[in-house]
Amino acid sequence: MNTPSETTIKESHMNFREKIKEEYPFASHWLKIDGHQYHYLDEGQGTPLLMVHGNPTWSFAWRRLVKQLSQSYRVIAVDHMGCGLSDKPQDYPYTLANHIANLKTLIQELDLQQITLFAHDWGGAIGMGAAVDLPERFEKFVLMNTAAFRSQEIPLRIAVCRIPLLGAWGVRGLNLFSGAAIKMAVEKHERMTPEVKAGFLGPYNNWQNRVAVHRFVQDIPLKASHPSYDTLVHVEEGLAQFQGHPLLLIWGERDWCFTTNFLDEFERRFPQAETLRIPDAGHYVFEDAHEIMVPRIEQFLQQ
């Protein structure tokens, strides 16, 4: 299978950015990690807000929060390796441990202190993994439709994507995972305009560019024998140290993946947490309910 040339990749990148410039009008920044370019946004000034996305999204998912909150804070939103505008190496070890390591490298390179972590989906395990290893740098947490602990809950539609050969054919060949998400992860479909759909799907437009989307699905550690299981246990065991930190849980209650069972578990582990339940929002809560979320977030940050 042919690999696109660097020139082709740059041209594709420029064309894509032009299509979504109104939704995503931010300057790009890159950090080279192990020979690969790690993309992130860095907008505004002040106390840092670190936004960590899940699968199959990228920093585009945070765009409305970036626009609003960067007026008062420094907002950094990352693209995991293989995602968004970061490089997409085909033979890269796309594991939870490596995603955490990359995020820690960025935090240390930018010397971020007093961080408020924003995390969604896989961003919970990755972001909290960085916090567990660098606890002195983190102050507050805003977690939404995510997890940072073991669970046996996995929807059938995701489990199917883990089947050898069939999963790769569906996720990488037919784009069933990313393509389905823009329909099944939202409740207010009228908000998924052509430009918004282009924003979510653009970075994952061919077999090569969907490599991390598939690897994220494969990396869900359901058994102790899984390569990422011990990493997740490490994250889970480190959560208790943040029980005294301000935590805001925002949950779209119509999420079929990270159901309210996950919210219940967070509330059990963090009884002091504030919770914003949004009954008519789905997994992409930032699409369905950004106008509800942002004022509550601003209030939380000012406390």
C-alpha atoms as a PDB file:
ATOM      1  CA  MET A   1       0.000   0.000   0.000  1.00  0.00           C
ATOM      2  CA  ASN A   2       1.522   3.327  -1.041  1.00  0.00           C
ATOM      3  CA  THR A   3       2.320   5.927   1.596  1.00  0.00           C
ATOM      4  CA  PRO A   4       1.425   9.539   0.752  1.00  0.00           C
ATOM      5  CA  SER A   5       4.407  11.831   0.163  1.00  0.00           C
ATOM      6  CA  GLU A   6       5.176  14.691   2.556  1.00  0.00           C
ATOM      7  CA  THR A   7       4.156  17.199  -0.123  1.00  0.00           C
ATOM      8  CA  THR A   8       0.819  15.454  -0.634  1.00  0.00           C
ATOM      9  CA  ILE A   9       0.195  15.423   3.111  1.00  0.00           C
ATOM     10  CA  LYS A  10       0.923  19.156   3.416  1.00  0.00           C
ATOM     11  CA  GLU A  11      -1.363  19.995   0.490  1.00  0.00           C
ATOM     12  CA  SER A  12      -4.136  17.853   1.946  1.00  0.00           C
ATOM     13  CA  HIS A  13      -3.658  19.539   5.318  1.00  0.00           C
ATOM     14  CA  MET A  14      -3.933  23.030   3.805  1.00  0.00           C
ATOM     15  CA  ASN A  15      -7.055  22.133   1.824  1.00  0.00           C
ATOM     16  CA  PHE A  16      -8.684  20.621   4.876  1.00  0.00           C
ATOM     17  CA  ARG A  17      -7.910  23.616   7.102  1.00  0.00           C
ATOM     18  CA  GLU A  18      -9.425  25.922   4.496  1.00  0.00           C
ATOM     19  CA  LYS A  19     -12.694  23.958   4.569  1.00  0.00           C
ATOM     20  CA  ILE A  20     -13.096  24.287   8.326  1.00  0.00           C
ATOM     21  CA  LYS A  21     -11.499  27.693   8.957  1.00  0.00           C
ATOM     22  CA  GLU A  22     -14.674  29.267  10.347  1.00  0.00           C
ATOM     23  CA  GLU A  23     -15.197  26.467  12.858  1.00  0.00           C
ATOM     24  CA  TYR A  24     -11.504  25.999  13.653  1.00  0.00           C
ATOM     25  CA  PRO A  25      -9.709  29.364  13.228  1.00  0.00           C
ATOM     26  CA  PHE A  26      -6.717  28.526  15.413  1.00  0.00           C
ATOM     27  CA  ALA A  27      -2.969  28.564  14.867  1.00  0.00           C
ATOM     28  CA  SER A  28      -1.300  25.167  14.835  1.00  0.00           C
ATOM     29  CA  HIS A  29       1.658  24.218  16.999  1.00  0.00           C
ATOM     30  CA  TRP A  30       3.752  21.068  16.800  1.00  0.00           C
ATOM     31  CA  LEU A  31       6.136  19.302  19.136  1.00  0.00           C
ATOM     32  CA  LYS A  32       8.448  16.620  17.754  1.00  0.00           C
ATOM     33  CA  ILE A  33       8.302  13.498  19.902  1.00  0.00           C
ATOM     34  CA  ASP A  34      10.371  10.445  18.942  1.00  0.00           C
ATOM     35  CA  GLY A  35      10.665  11.753  15.389  1.00  0.00           C
ATOM     36  CA  HIS A  36       6.934  12.381  14.927  1.00  0.00           C
ATOM     37  CA  GLN A  37       5.001  15.665  14.950  1.00  0.00           C
ATOM     38  CA  TYR A  38       2.513  16.053  17.810  1.00  0.00           C
ATOM     39  CA  HIS A  39      -0.050  18.760  17.060  1.00  0.00           C
ATOM     40  CA  TYR A  40      -1.679  21.056  19.606  1.00  0.00           C
ATOM     41  CA  LEU A  41      -3.476  24.368  19.984  1.00  0.00           C
ATOM     42  CA  ASP A  42      -2.201  27.052  22.334  1.00  0.00           C
ATOM     43  CA  GLU A  43      -4.643  29.957  22.603  1.00  0.00           C
ATOM     44  CA  GLY A  44      -4.947  32.809  25.097  1.00  0.00           C
ATOM     45  CA  GLN A  45      -3.011  33.627  28.254  1.00  0.00           C
ATOM     46  CA  GLY A  46      -3.290  32.864  31.929  1.00  0.00           C
ATOM     47  CA  THR A  47      -3.880  29.733  33.947  1.00  0.00           C
ATOM     48  CA  PRO A  48      -3.609  26.703  31.632  1.00  0.00           C
ATOM     49  CA  LEU A  49      -6.611  24.613  30.642  1.00  0.00           C
ATOM     50  CA  LEU A  50      -5.436  21.340  29.073  1.00  0.00           C
ATOM     51  CA  MET A  51      -7.993  19.675  26.805  1.00  0.00           C
ATOM     52  CA  VAL A  52      -7.560  15.982  25.975  1.00  0.00           C
ATOM     53  CA  HIS A  53      -9.833  14.331  23.413  1.00  0.00           C
ATOM     54  CA  GLY A  54     -10.924  10.752  22.872  1.00  0.00           C
ATOM     55  CA  ASN A  55     -11.586   8.451  19.907  1.00  0.00           C
ATOM     56  CA  PRO A  56     -12.406   9.204  17.090  1.00  0.00           C
ATOM     57  CA  THR A  57     -12.247  12.946  17.704  1.00  0.00           C
ATOM     58  CA  TRP A  58      -9.396  15.482  17.904  1.00  0.00           C
ATOM     59  CA  SER A  59      -8.866  19.048  19.149  1.00  0.00           C
ATOM     60  CA  PHE A  60     -11.657  20.169  16.808  1.00  0.00           C
ATOM     61  CA  ALA A  61     -14.119  18.784  19.375  1.00  0.00           C
ATOM     62  CA  TRP A  62     -13.057  21.459  21.863  1.00  0.00           C
ATOM     63  CA  ARG A  63     -13.337  24.389  19.418  1.00  0.00           C
ATOM     64  CA  ARG A  64     -16.273  26.144  21.108  1.00  0.00           C
ATOM     65  CA  LEU A  65     -14.663  25.865  24.528  1.00  0.00           C
ATOM     66  CA  VAL A  66     -11.346  27.069  23.105  1.00  0.00           C
ATOM     67  CA  LYS A  67     -12.960  30.156  21.548  1.00  0.00           C
ATOM     68  CA  GLN A  68     -14.766  31.131  24.739  1.00  0.00           C
ATOM     69  CA  LEU A  69     -12.332  30.150  27.474  1.00  0.00           C
ATOM     70  CA  SER A  70      -9.189  31.447  25.740  1.00  0.00           C
ATOM     71  CA  GLN A  71     -10.508  34.955  26.398  1.00  0.00           C
ATOM     72  CA  SER A  72      -9.560  34.486  30.057  1.00  0.00           C
ATOM     73  CA  TYR A  73      -7.251  31.464  30.155  1.00  0.00           C
ATOM     74  CA  ARG A  74      -4.458  29.775  28.250  1.00  0.00           C
ATOM     75  CA  VAL A  75      -6.085  26.860  26.463  1.00  0.00           C
ATOM     76  CA  ILE A  76      -3.986  23.964  25.170  1.00  0.00           C
ATOM     77  CA  ALA A  77      -5.794  21.274  23.188  1.00  0.00           C
ATOM     78  CA  VAL A  78      -3.802  18.281  21.954  1.00  0.00           C
ATOM     79  CA  ASP A  79      -4.151  15.823  19.092  1.00  0.00           C
ATOM     80  CA  HIS A  80      -2.965  12.384  20.166  1.00  0.00           C
ATOM     81  CA  MET A  81      -0.418  10.782  17.893  1.00  0.00           C
ATOM     82  CA  GLY A  82      -2.285   9.337  14.939  1.00  0.00           C
ATOM     83  CA  CYS A  83      -5.189  11.735  15.465  1.00  0.00           C
ATOM     84  CA  GLY A  84      -6.253  15.100  14.112  1.00  0.00           C
ATOM     85  CA  LEU A  85      -3.330  17.014  12.636  1.00  0.00           C
ATOM     86  CA  SER A  86      -0.629  14.978  14.379  1.00  0.00           C
ATOM     87  CA  ASP A  87       1.477  12.542  12.377  1.00  0.00           C
ATOM     88  CA  LYS A  88      -0.069   9.150  11.664  1.00  0.00           C
ATOM     89  CA  PRO A  89       2.807   6.641  11.562  1.00  0.00           C
ATOM     90  CA  GLN A  90       1.668   3.194  10.510  1.00  0.00           C
ATOM     91  CA  ASP A  91       4.006   1.151  12.730  1.00  0.00           C
ATOM     92  CA  TYR A  92       3.645   3.237  15.886  1.00  0.00           C
ATOM     93  CA  PRO A  93       2.786   1.612  19.261  1.00  0.00           C
ATOM     94  CA  TYR A  94      -0.603   3.241  19.835  1.00  0.00           C
ATOM     95  CA  THR A  95      -0.973   2.253  23.475  1.00  0.00           C
ATOM     96  CA  LEU A  96      -2.368   3.999  26.521  1.00  0.00           C
ATOM     97  CA  ALA A  97       1.125   4.237  28.006  1.00  0.00           C
ATOM     98  CA  ASN A  98       2.500   5.993  24.920  1.00  0.00           C
ATOM     99  CA  HIS A  99      -0.394   8.442  24.718  1.00  0.00           C
ATOM    100  CA  ILE A 100       0.166   9.314  28.381  1.00  0.00           C
ATOM    101  CA  ALA A 101       3.913   9.675  27.809  1.00  0.00           C
ATOM    102  CA  ASN A 102       3.346  12.026  24.878  1.00  0.00           C
ATOM    103  CA  LEU A 103       0.998  14.198  26.914  1.00  0.00           C
ATOM    104  CA  LYS A 104       3.507  14.336  29.775  1.00  0.00           C
ATOM    105  CA  THR A 105       6.233  15.360  27.331  1.00  0.00           C
ATOM    106  CA  LEU A 106       4.098  18.278  26.146  1.00  0.00           C
ATOM    107  CA  ILE A 107       3.256  19.319  29.717  1.00  0.00           C
ATOM    108  CA  GLN A 108       6.909  19.321  30.690  1.00  0.00           C
ATOM    109  CA  GLU A 109       8.071  20.979  27.470  1.00  0.00           C
ATOM    110  CA  LEU A 110       5.582  23.843  27.974  1.00  0.00           C
ATOM    111  CA  ASP A 111       6.223  23.757  31.745  1.00  0.00           C
ATOM    112  CA  LEU A 112       2.512  23.850  32.500  1.00  0.00           C
ATOM    113  CA  GLN A 113       1.599  24.442  36.145  1.00  0.00           C
ATOM    114  CA  GLN A 114      -1.733  24.709  37.998  1.00  0.00           C
ATOM    115  CA  ILE A 115      -3.418  22.825  35.166  1.00  0.00           C
ATOM    116  CA  THR A 116      -7.140  22.333  34.865  1.00  0.00           C
ATOM    117  CA  LEU A 117      -7.615  19.123  32.921  1.00  0.00           C
ATOM    118  CA  PHE A 118     -10.524  18.780  30.496  1.00  0.00           C
ATOM    119  CA  ALA A 119     -11.025  15.210  29.305  1.00  0.00           C
ATOM    120  CA  HIS A 120     -13.547  13.285  27.216  1.00  0.00           C
ATOM    121  CA  ASP A 121     -13.765   9.603  26.232  1.00  0.00           C
ATOM    122  CA  TRP A 122     -10.214   8.129  26.053  1.00  0.00           C
ATOM    123  CA  GLY A 123      -8.949  11.512  27.216  1.00  0.00           C
ATOM    124  CA  GLY A 124      -9.977  10.538  30.742  1.00  0.00           C
ATOM    125  CA  ALA A 125      -7.527   7.651  31.034  1.00  0.00           C
ATOM    126  CA  ILE A 126      -4.818   9.554  29.141  1.00  0.00           C
ATOM    127  CA  GLY A 127      -5.260  12.868  30.943  1.00  0.00           C
ATOM    128  CA  MET A 128      -5.635  11.332  34.396  1.00  0.00           C
ATOM    129  CA  GLY A 129      -2.656   9.118  33.591  1.00  0.00           C
ATOM    130  CA  ALA A 130      -0.556  12.241  33.116  1.00  0.00           C
ATOM    131  CA  ALA A 131      -1.992  13.730  36.311  1.00  0.00           C
ATOM    132  CA  VAL A 132      -1.205  10.602  38.315  1.00  0.00           C
ATOM    133  CA  ASP A 133       2.422  10.786  37.186  1.00  0.00           C
ATOM    134  CA  LEU A 134       2.739  14.591  37.488  1.00  0.00           C
ATOM    135  CA  PRO A 135       0.324  15.386  40.343  1.00  0.00           C
ATOM    136  CA  GLU A 136       2.040  18.582  41.441  1.00  0.00           C
ATOM    137  CA  ARG A 137       1.170  20.198  38.095  1.00  0.00           C
ATOM    138  CA  PHE A 138      -2.609  19.606  38.267  1.00  0.00           C
ATOM    139  CA  GLU A 139      -5.115  21.650  40.240  1.00  0.00           C
ATOM    140  CA  LYS A 140      -8.657  21.107  38.877  1.00  0.00           C
ATOM    141  CA  PHE A 141     -10.478  18.616  36.675  1.00  0.00           C
ATOM    142  CA  VAL A 142     -13.412  18.795  34.258  1.00  0.00           C
ATOM    143  CA  LEU A 143     -14.334  15.299  33.081  1.00  0.00           C
ATOM    144  CA  MET A 144     -17.137  14.434  30.667  1.00  0.00           C
ATOM    145  CA  ASN A 145     -18.440  11.101  29.354  1.00  0.00           C
ATOM    146  CA  THR A 146     -15.218   9.315  30.073  1.00  0.00           C
ATOM    147  CA  ALA A 147     -13.493   6.802  32.360  1.00  0.00           C
ATOM    148  CA  ALA A 148     -10.139   6.383  34.061  1.00  0.00           C
ATOM    149  CA  PHE A 149     -10.699   2.984  35.654  1.00  0.00           C
ATOM    150  CA  ARG A 150     -11.366  -0.590  34.605  1.00  0.00           C
ATOM    151  CA  SER A 151     -14.778  -1.614  33.337  1.00  0.00           C
ATOM    152  CA  GLN A 152     -16.282  -4.580  31.559  1.00  0.00           C
ATOM    153  CA  GLU A 153     -18.915  -2.431  29.876  1.00  0.00           C
ATOM    154  CA  ILE A 154     -18.335  -2.359  26.144  1.00  0.00           C
ATOM    155  CA  PRO A 155     -21.149  -1.807  23.635  1.00  0.00           C
ATOM    156  CA  LEU A 156     -21.623  -4.497  21.014  1.00  0.00           C
ATOM    157  CA  ARG A 157     -21.087  -1.994  18.200  1.00  0.00           C
ATOM    158  CA  ILE A 158     -17.598  -1.298  19.578  1.00  0.00           C
ATOM    159  CA  ALA A 159     -16.833  -4.924  20.411  1.00  0.00           C
ATOM    160  CA  VAL A 160     -17.461  -5.848  16.765  1.00  0.00           C
ATOM    161  CA  CYS A 161     -14.744  -3.389  15.740  1.00  0.00           C
ATOM    162  CA  ARG A 162     -12.237  -5.410  17.784  1.00  0.00           C
ATOM    163  CA  ILE A 163     -12.767  -8.617  15.772  1.00  0.00           C
ATOM    164  CA  PRO A 164      -9.579  -9.434  13.821  1.00  0.00           C
ATOM    165  CA  LEU A 165      -9.718  -8.578  10.098  1.00  0.00           C
ATOM    166  CA  LEU A 166     -13.402  -7.668  10.276  1.00  0.00           C
ATOM    167  CA  GLY A 167     -12.622  -4.772  12.617  1.00  0.00           C
ATOM    168  CA  ALA A 168      -9.877  -3.373  10.403  1.00  0.00           C
ATOM    169  CA  TRP A 169     -12.075  -3.705   7.315  1.00  0.00           C
ATOM    170  CA  GLY A 170     -14.913  -1.827   9.011  1.00  0.00           C
ATOM    171  CA  VAL A 171     -12.957   0.839  10.896  1.00  0.00           C
ATOM    172  CA  ARG A 172     -10.124   1.544   8.468  1.00  0.00           C
ATOM    173  CA  GLY A 173     -11.633   0.413   5.185  1.00  0.00           C
ATOM    174  CA  LEU A 174     -15.247   1.577   5.412  1.00  0.00           C
ATOM    175  CA  ASN A 175     -14.757   4.286   8.053  1.00  0.00           C
ATOM    176  CA  LEU A 176     -17.648   2.833  10.050  1.00  0.00           C
ATOM    177  CA  PHE A 177     -16.351   4.017  13.425  1.00  0.00           C
ATOM    178  CA  SER A 178     -15.704   7.706  12.665  1.00  0.00           C
ATOM    179  CA  GLY A 179     -18.559   7.889  10.202  1.00  0.00           C
ATOM    180  CA  ALA A 180     -21.051   6.396  12.621  1.00  0.00           C
ATOM    181  CA  ALA A 181     -19.921   8.648  15.465  1.00  0.00           C
ATOM    182  CA  ILE A 182     -21.125  11.851  13.806  1.00  0.00           C
ATOM    183  CA  LYS A 183     -24.615  10.317  13.779  1.00  0.00           C
ATOM    184  CA  MET A 184     -24.733   8.083  16.843  1.00  0.00           C
ATOM    185  CA  ALA A 185     -22.752  10.232  19.308  1.00  0.00           C
ATOM    186  CA  VAL A 186     -25.046  13.270  19.021  1.00  0.00           C
ATOM    187  CA  GLU A 187     -28.692  13.878  19.784  1.00  0.00           C
ATOM    188  CA  LYS A 188     -29.121  17.260  18.094  1.00  0.00           C
ATOM    189  CA  HIS A 189     -28.324  16.251  14.540  1.00  0.00           C
ATOM    190  CA  GLU A 190     -29.144  19.651  13.110  1.00  0.00           C
ATOM    191  CA  ARG A 191     -25.921  20.902  14.689  1.00  0.00           C
ATOM    192  CA  MET A 192     -23.852  18.540  12.553  1.00  0.00           C
ATOM    193  CA  THR A 193     -23.590  20.906   9.596  1.00  0.00           C
ATOM    194  CA  PRO A 194     -21.492  19.943   6.555  1.00  0.00           C
ATOM    195  CA  GLU A 195     -18.574  21.989   7.916  1.00  0.00           C
ATOM    196  CA  VAL A 196     -18.797  20.351  11.346  1.00  0.00           C
ATOM    197  CA  LYS A 197     -18.958  16.886   9.793  1.00  0.00           C
ATOM    198  CA  ALA A 198     -15.967  17.777   7.626  1.00  0.00           C
ATOM    199  CA  GLY A 199     -14.122  18.852  10.759  1.00  0.00           C
ATOM    200  CA  PHE A 200     -14.668  15.588  12.585  1.00  0.00           C
ATOM    201  CA  LEU A 201     -14.027  13.332   9.577  1.00  0.00           C
ATOM    202  CA  GLY A 202     -11.343  15.250   7.677  1.00  0.00           C
ATOM    203  CA  PRO A 203      -8.274  13.891   9.496  1.00  0.00           C
ATOM    204  CA  TYR A 204      -9.513  10.313   9.001  1.00  0.00           C
ATOM    205  CA  ASN A 205     -10.071  10.289   5.242  1.00  0.00           C
ATOM    206  CA  ASN A 206      -8.285   7.095   4.198  1.00  0.00           C
ATOM    207  CA  TRP A 207      -6.990   3.730   5.390  1.00  0.00           C
ATOM    208  CA  GLN A 208      -3.621   5.087   6.574  1.00  0.00           C
ATOM    209  CA  ASN A 209      -5.123   8.037   8.413  1.00  0.00           C
ATOM    210  CA  ARG A 210      -7.528   5.840  10.359  1.00  0.00           C
ATOM    211  CA  VAL A 211      -4.774   3.749  11.909  1.00  0.00           C
ATOM    212  CA  ALA A 212      -5.103   5.247  15.415  1.00  0.00           C
ATOM    213  CA  VAL A 213      -8.909   5.089  15.331  1.00  0.00           C
ATOM    214  CA  HIS A 214      -8.639   1.327  14.986  1.00  0.00           C
ATOM    215  CA  ARG A 215      -5.766   0.977  17.469  1.00  0.00           C
ATOM    216  CA  PHE A 216      -7.723   2.860  20.132  1.00  0.00           C
ATOM    217  CA  VAL A 217     -10.533   0.322  19.786  1.00  0.00           C
ATOM    218  CA  GLN A 218      -8.038  -2.529  20.031  1.00  0.00           C
ATOM    219  CA  ASP A 219      -6.386  -0.946  23.076  1.00  0.00           C
ATOM    220  CA  ILE A 220      -9.416  -1.231  25.386  1.00  0.00           C
ATOM    221  CA  PRO A 221      -8.001  -3.412  28.211  1.00  0.00           C
ATOM    222  CA  LEU A 222     -10.726  -5.832  29.289  1.00  0.00           C
ATOM    223  CA  LYS A 223      -8.395  -8.586  30.536  1.00  0.00           C
ATOM    224  CA  ALA A 224      -5.284  -8.685  32.723  1.00  0.00           C
ATOM    225  CA  SER A 225      -3.364 -10.144  29.781  1.00  0.00           C
ATOM    226  CA  HIS A 226      -3.960  -7.040  27.663  1.00  0.00           C
ATOM    227  CA  PRO A 227      -0.811  -4.903  27.110  1.00  0.00           C
ATOM    228  CA  SER A 228      -2.517  -1.761  28.463  1.00  0.00           C
ATOM    229  CA  TYR A 229      -4.184  -3.381  31.467  1.00  0.00           C
ATOM    230  CA  ASP A 230      -1.404  -2.629  33.959  1.00  0.00           C
ATOM    231  CA  THR A 231      -1.228   0.969  32.745  1.00  0.00           C
ATOM    232  CA  LEU A 232      -4.933   1.440  33.379  1.00  0.00           C
ATOM    233  CA  VAL A 233      -4.611  -0.140  36.831  1.00  0.00           C
ATOM    234  CA  HIS A 234      -1.816   2.345  37.574  1.00  0.00           C
ATOM    235  CA  VAL A 235      -4.065   5.243  36.552  1.00  0.00           C
ATOM    236  CA  GLU A 236      -7.008   3.873  38.520  1.00  0.00           C
ATOM    237  CA  GLU A 237      -4.956   3.363  41.684  1.00  0.00           C
ATOM    238  CA  GLY A 238      -3.634   6.909  41.471  1.00  0.00           C
ATOM    239  CA  LEU A 239      -7.036   8.614  41.308  1.00  0.00           C
ATOM    240  CA  ALA A 240      -7.594   8.764  45.077  1.00  0.00           C
ATOM    241  CA  GLN A 241      -4.861  11.381  45.547  1.00  0.00           C
ATOM    242  CA  PHE A 242      -7.113  13.937  43.813  1.00  0.00           C
ATOM    243  CA  GLN A 243     -10.128  13.533  46.102  1.00  0.00           C
ATOM    244  CA  GLY A 244      -9.401  16.918  47.651  1.00  0.00           C
ATOM    245  CA  HIS A 245      -9.157  18.696  44.266  1.00  0.00           C
ATOM    246  CA  PRO A 246     -12.041  20.568  42.620  1.00  0.00           C
ATOM    247  CA  LEU A 247     -13.743  18.286  40.106  1.00  0.00           C
ATOM    248  CA  LEU A 248     -16.628  18.994  37.753  1.00  0.00           C
ATOM    249  CA  LEU A 249     -18.346  16.046  36.087  1.00  0.00           C
ATOM    250  CA  ILE A 250     -20.368  16.901  32.970  1.00  0.00           C
ATOM    251  CA  TRP A 251     -22.439  14.078  31.505  1.00  0.00           C
ATOM    252  CA  GLY A 252     -24.623  13.648  28.458  1.00  0.00           C
ATOM    253  CA  GLU A 253     -27.070  11.109  29.830  1.00  0.00           C
ATOM    254  CA  ARG A 254     -28.012   9.676  26.428  1.00  0.00           C
ATOM    255  CA  ASP A 255     -24.512   8.352  25.857  1.00  0.00           C
ATOM    256  CA  TRP A 256     -24.726   4.667  24.873  1.00  0.00           C
ATOM    257  CA  CYS A 257     -20.975   4.169  25.358  1.00  0.00           C
ATOM    258  CA  PHE A 258     -19.942   5.982  28.544  1.00  0.00           C
ATOM    259  CA  THR A 259     -23.283   5.526  30.234  1.00  0.00           C
ATOM    260  CA  THR A 260     -24.318   7.072  33.527  1.00  0.00           C
ATOM    261  CA  ASN A 261     -22.869   3.956  35.194  1.00  0.00           C
ATOM    262  CA  PHE A 262     -19.461   5.529  34.603  1.00  0.00           C
ATOM    263  CA  LEU A 263     -20.674   8.790  36.117  1.00  0.00           C
ATOM    264  CA  ASP A 264     -21.912   6.870  39.156  1.00  0.00           C
ATOM    265  CA  GLU A 265     -18.451   5.348  39.564  1.00  0.00           C
ATOM    266  CA  PHE A 266     -16.779   8.757  39.389  1.00  0.00           C
ATOM    267  CA  GLU A 267     -19.202  10.106  41.986  1.00  0.00           C
ATOM    268  CA  ARG A 268     -18.443   7.143  44.239  1.00  0.00           C
ATOM    269  CA  ARG A 269     -14.702   7.767  43.942  1.00  0.00           C
ATOM    270  CA  PHE A 270     -15.039  11.565  44.250  1.00  0.00           C
ATOM    271  CA  PRO A 271     -17.945  12.301  46.613  1.00  0.00           C
ATOM    272  CA  GLN A 272     -17.016  16.000  46.718  1.00  0.00           C
ATOM    273  CA  ALA A 273     -17.350  16.415  42.940  1.00  0.00           C
ATOM    274  CA  GLU A 274     -19.837  18.774  41.339  1.00  0.00           C
ATOM    275  CA  THR A 275     -22.038  17.158  38.696  1.00  0.00           C
ATOM    276  CA  LEU A 276     -23.842  18.600  35.703  1.00  0.00           C
ATOM    277  CA  ARG A 277     -26.178  16.006  34.207  1.00  0.00           C
ATOM    278  CA  ILE A 278     -27.594  16.895  30.789  1.00  0.00           C
ATOM    279  CA  PRO A 279     -30.565  14.607  30.060  1.00  0.00           C
ATOM    280  CA  ASP A 280     -30.920  15.312  26.328  1.00  0.00           C
ATOM    281  CA  ALA A 281     -27.209  15.182  25.368  1.00  0.00           C
ATOM    282  CA  GLY A 282     -25.287  12.253  23.921  1.00  0.00           C
ATOM    283  CA  HIS A 283     -21.651  11.186  23.912  1.00  0.00           C
ATOM    284  CA  TYR A 284     -20.532  14.291  22.040  1.00  0.00           C
ATOM    285  CA  VAL A 285     -21.853  16.436  24.861  1.00  0.00           C
ATOM    286  CA  PHE A 286     -19.777  19.376  23.617  1.00  0.00           C
ATOM    287  CA  GLU A 287     -21.891  19.395  20.436  1.00  0.00           C
ATOM    288  CA  ASP A 288     -25.286  18.835  22.053  1.00  0.00           C
ATOM    289  CA  ALA A 289     -24.924  21.128  25.050  1.00  0.00           C
ATOM    290  CA  HIS A 290     -22.014  23.557  24.738  1.00  0.00           C
ATOM    291  CA  GLU A 291     -24.282  26.493  25.610  1.00  0.00           C
ATOM    292  CA  ILE A 292     -25.155  24.757  28.896  1.00  0.00           C
ATOM    293  CA  MET A 293     -21.626  23.584  29.633  1.00  0.00           C
ATOM    294  CA  VAL A 294     -19.644  26.773  29.113  1.00  0.00           C
ATOM    295  CA  PRO A 295     -21.355  28.978  31.737  1.00  0.00           C
ATOM    296  CA  ARG A 296     -21.090  26.178  34.314  1.00  0.00           C
ATOM    297  CA  ILE A 297     -17.433  25.649  33.454  1.00  0.00           C
ATOM    298  CA  GLU A 298     -16.685  29.362  33.791  1.00  0.00           C
ATOM    299  CA  GLN A 299     -18.372  29.377  37.189  1.00  0.00           C
ATOM    300  CA  PHE A 300     -16.363  26.322  38.273  1.00  0.00           C
ATOM    301  CA  LEU A 301     -13.050  27.852  37.146  1.00  0.00           C
ATOM    302  CA  GLN A 302     -13.716  31.058  39.085  1.00  0.00           C
ATOM    303  CA  GLN A 303     -14.380  29.281  42.372  1.00  0.00           C
END
